[in-house]
C-alpha atoms as a PDB file:
ATOM      1  CA  MET A   1      65.232 103.181 121.158  1.00  0.00           C
ATOM      2  CA  LYS A   2      68.859 103.544 120.177  1.00  0.00           C
ATOM      3  CA  GLU A   3      69.614 104.193 116.522  1.00  0.00           C
ATOM      4  CA  GLU A   4      71.928 101.574 115.056  1.00  0.00           C
ATOM      5  CA  SER A   5      75.046 102.606 113.179  1.00  0.00           C
ATOM      6  CA  PRO A   6      75.067 101.572 109.536  1.00  0.00           C
ATOM      7  CA  VAL A   7      77.462  98.772 108.690  1.00  0.00           C
ATOM      8  CA  PRO A   8      80.339 100.268 106.699  1.00  0.00           C
ATOM      9  CA  SER A   9      80.780  99.037 103.160  1.00  0.00           C
ATOM     10  CA  PRO A  10      83.873  96.935 102.581  1.00  0.00           C
ATOM     11  CA  VAL A  11      86.861  98.670 101.030  1.00  0.00           C
ATOM     12  CA  ILE A  12      87.998  96.637  98.031  1.00  0.00           C
ATOM     13  CA  LEU A  13      90.806  98.153  95.966  1.00  0.00           C
ATOM     14  CA  GLY A  14      92.140  96.928  92.635  1.00  0.00           C
ATOM     15  CA  ILE A  15      95.259  97.711  90.649  1.00  0.00           C
ATOM     16  CA  ASP A  16      94.985  96.401  87.090  1.00  0.00           C
ATOM     17  CA  ASP A  17      95.547  98.050  83.718  1.00  0.00           C
ATOM     18  CA  LEU A  18      92.805  96.217  81.771  1.00  0.00           C
ATOM     19  CA  ARG A  19      90.346  94.157  83.789  1.00  0.00           C
ATOM     20  CA  PRO A  20      87.140  95.904  84.907  1.00  0.00           C
ATOM     21  CA  LEU A  21      87.097  94.326  88.437  1.00  0.00           C
ATOM     22  CA  PRO A  22      83.456  95.351  88.991  1.00  0.00           C
ATOM     23  CA  TRP A  23      83.416  94.238  92.653  1.00  0.00           C
ATOM     24  CA  THR A  24      86.080  96.789  93.649  1.00  0.00           C
ATOM     25  CA  THR A  25      85.188 100.083  95.288  1.00  0.00           C
ATOM     26  CA  ARG A  26      88.159 101.867  93.645  1.00  0.00           C
ATOM     27  CA  ILE A  27      90.562 100.869  90.885  1.00  0.00           C
ATOM     28  CA  ALA A  28      93.956 102.145  89.740  1.00  0.00           C
ATOM     29  CA  ARG A  29      95.266 101.530  86.224  1.00  0.00           C
ATOM     30  CA  SER A  30      99.019 102.041  86.757  1.00  0.00           C
ATOM     31  CA  SER A  31     101.593 101.558  89.498  1.00  0.00           C
ATOM     32  CA  GLY A  32     101.700 105.317  90.108  1.00  0.00           C
ATOM     33  CA  GLU A  33      97.928 105.435  90.554  1.00  0.00           C
ATOM     34  CA  GLY A  34      98.177 102.328  92.746  1.00  0.00           C
ATOM     35  CA  VAL A  35     100.730 103.933  95.057  1.00  0.00           C
ATOM     36  CA  LYS A  36      98.488 107.012  95.397  1.00  0.00           C
ATOM     37  CA  LEU A  37      95.438 104.827  96.037  1.00  0.00           C
ATOM     38  CA  LEU A  38      97.173 102.947  98.853  1.00  0.00           C
ATOM     39  CA  GLN A  39      98.503 106.169 100.354  1.00  0.00           C
ATOM     40  CA  GLU A  40      94.942 107.575 100.382  1.00  0.00           C
ATOM     41  CA  HIS A  41      93.887 104.529 102.425  1.00  0.00           C
ATOM     42  CA  ARG A  42      96.979 104.540 104.655  1.00  0.00           C
ATOM     43  CA  ASP A  43      95.118 104.887 107.925  1.00  0.00           C
ATOM     44  CA  SER A  44      92.059 102.785 107.145  1.00  0.00           C
ATOM     45  CA  PHE A  45      91.370  99.078 106.873  1.00  0.00           C
ATOM     46  CA  ILE A  46      91.345  97.637 103.351  1.00  0.00           C
ATOM     47  CA  ASP A  47      89.227  94.493 103.213  1.00  0.00           C
ATOM     48  CA  GLU A  48      90.685  93.262  99.914  1.00  0.00           C
ATOM     49  CA  LEU A  49      93.458  94.407  97.608  1.00  0.00           C
ATOM     50  CA  TRP A  50      93.547  92.941  94.080  1.00  0.00           C
ATOM     51  CA  LEU A  51      96.901  93.148  92.276  1.00  0.00           C
ATOM     52  CA  ASP A  52      97.860  92.413  88.682  1.00  0.00           C
ATOM     53  CA  HIS A  53     101.594  92.096  87.991  1.00  0.00           C
ATOM     54  CA  ASP A  54     101.852  93.483  84.452  1.00  0.00           C
ATOM     55  CA  LEU A  55     100.326  96.947  84.091  1.00  0.00           C
ATOM     56  CA  GLY A  56     101.032  97.710  80.441  1.00  0.00           C
ATOM     57  CA  SER A  57     104.159  98.849  78.597  1.00  0.00           C
ATOM     58  CA  ASP A  58     107.068  98.724  81.040  1.00  0.00           C
ATOM     59  CA  ASP A  59     104.895  99.237  84.130  1.00  0.00           C
ATOM     60  CA  SER A  60     104.418  96.579  86.793  1.00  0.00           C
ATOM     61  CA  ILE A  61     103.000  96.244  90.297  1.00  0.00           C
ATOM     62  CA  LEU A  62     106.488  96.288  91.847  1.00  0.00           C
ATOM     63  CA  PRO A  63     106.400  99.955  93.032  1.00  0.00           C
ATOM     64  CA  VAL A  64     103.210  99.111  94.960  1.00  0.00           C
ATOM     65  CA  VAL A  65     104.816  95.964  96.407  1.00  0.00           C
ATOM     66  CA  THR A  66     107.873  98.002  97.413  1.00  0.00           C
ATOM     67  CA  LEU A  67     105.638 100.546  99.191  1.00  0.00           C
ATOM     68  CA  MET A  68     103.942  97.741 101.112  1.00  0.00           C
ATOM     69  CA  GLU A  69     107.256  96.088 102.004  1.00  0.00           C
ATOM     70  CA  GLU A  70     108.749  99.377 103.220  1.00  0.00           C
ATOM     71  CA  ALA A  71     105.667 100.056 105.342  1.00  0.00           C
ATOM     72  CA  ALA A  72     106.006  96.631 106.989  1.00  0.00           C
ATOM     73  CA  PHE A  73     109.768  97.086 107.443  1.00  0.00           C
ATOM     74  CA  ASN A  74     109.089 100.382 109.248  1.00  0.00           C
ATOM     75  CA  GLY A  75     106.617  98.696 111.587  1.00  0.00           C
ATOM     76  CA  ARG A  76     103.497 100.207 109.988  1.00  0.00           C
ATOM     77  CA  PRO A  77     102.226  97.641 107.491  1.00  0.00           C
ATOM     78  CA  PHE A  78      99.080  98.477 105.583  1.00  0.00           C
ATOM     79  CA  ARG A  79      96.038  96.971 107.287  1.00  0.00           C
ATOM     80  CA  ILE A  80      94.692  94.644 104.612  1.00  0.00           C
ATOM     81  CA  GLY A  81      92.436  91.644 105.099  1.00  0.00           C
ATOM     82  CA  THR A  82      93.558  89.715 102.008  1.00  0.00           C
ATOM     83  CA  VAL A  83      95.756  90.558  99.045  1.00  0.00           C
ATOM     84  CA  PHE A  84      94.683  88.706  95.892  1.00  0.00           C
ATOM     85  CA  VAL A  85      97.248  88.382  93.103  1.00  0.00           C
ATOM     86  CA  HIS A  86      95.507  87.798  89.773  1.00  0.00           C
ATOM     87  CA  SER A  87      98.112  87.870  87.036  1.00  0.00           C
ATOM     88  CA  ALA A  88      98.502  85.972  83.791  1.00  0.00           C
ATOM     89  CA  ASN A  89     102.260  86.211  84.431  1.00  0.00           C
ATOM     90  CA  PRO A  90     102.989  83.210  86.694  1.00  0.00           C
ATOM     91  CA  ILE A  91     106.575  84.219  87.525  1.00  0.00           C
ATOM     92  CA  GLY A  92     105.583  87.814  88.291  1.00  0.00           C
ATOM     93  CA  ALA A  93     102.621  86.670  90.374  1.00  0.00           C
ATOM     94  CA  GLU A  94     104.781  84.284  92.387  1.00  0.00           C
ATOM     95  CA  THR A  95     107.287  87.085  93.027  1.00  0.00           C
ATOM     96  CA  VAL A  96     104.514  89.277  94.436  1.00  0.00           C
ATOM     97  CA  VAL A  97     103.101  86.447  96.577  1.00  0.00           C
ATOM     98  CA  ARG A  98     106.542  85.599  98.018  1.00  0.00           C
ATOM     99  CA  SER A  99     107.478  89.229  98.661  1.00  0.00           C
ATOM    100  CA  LEU A 100     104.288  90.139 100.495  1.00  0.00           C
ATOM    101  CA  THR A 101     104.011  86.848 102.390  1.00  0.00           C
ATOM    102  CA  ARG A 102     107.504  87.451 103.729  1.00  0.00           C
ATOM    103  CA  TRP A 103     106.123  90.621 105.400  1.00  0.00           C
ATOM    104  CA  ASN A 104     103.105  88.797 106.902  1.00  0.00           C
ATOM    105  CA  TYR A 105     100.464  90.090 104.504  1.00  0.00           C
ATOM    106  CA  GLN A 106      97.728  87.511 103.864  1.00  0.00           C
ATOM    107  CA  VAL A 107      98.187  86.751 100.161  1.00  0.00           C
ATOM    108  CA  ARG A 108      96.360  84.393  97.813  1.00  0.00           C
ATOM    109  CA  ARG A 109      96.614  83.635  94.115  1.00  0.00           C
ATOM    110  CA  ALA A 110      93.337  84.227  92.317  1.00  0.00           C
ATOM    111  CA  THR A 111      91.850  84.092  88.858  1.00  0.00           C
ATOM    112  CA  VAL A 112      89.480  86.662  87.404  1.00  0.00           C
END
């Protein structure tokens, strides 16, 4: 009898300065940590990516969005099932949704 391979756990990443996001497998609390987190997963499939726009003080998700846009521009977009934008900042959230949708990422607004 052939031994079956275990089903891999989904990779669910979150970038948010405050929310616990208990369903995520890894979480970053700043844009710098978020950039590093995505770079660590550069060559793997990310099932879900949860993004908050405002990350405390003067920090925002925009460096992460820029990284994702540049990757798509260079023909190597991150492989992500769905990007969920969950921000209390409606203008910032809409900016993220528009920017990433433009580069063919599957993006949805969400509430947490």
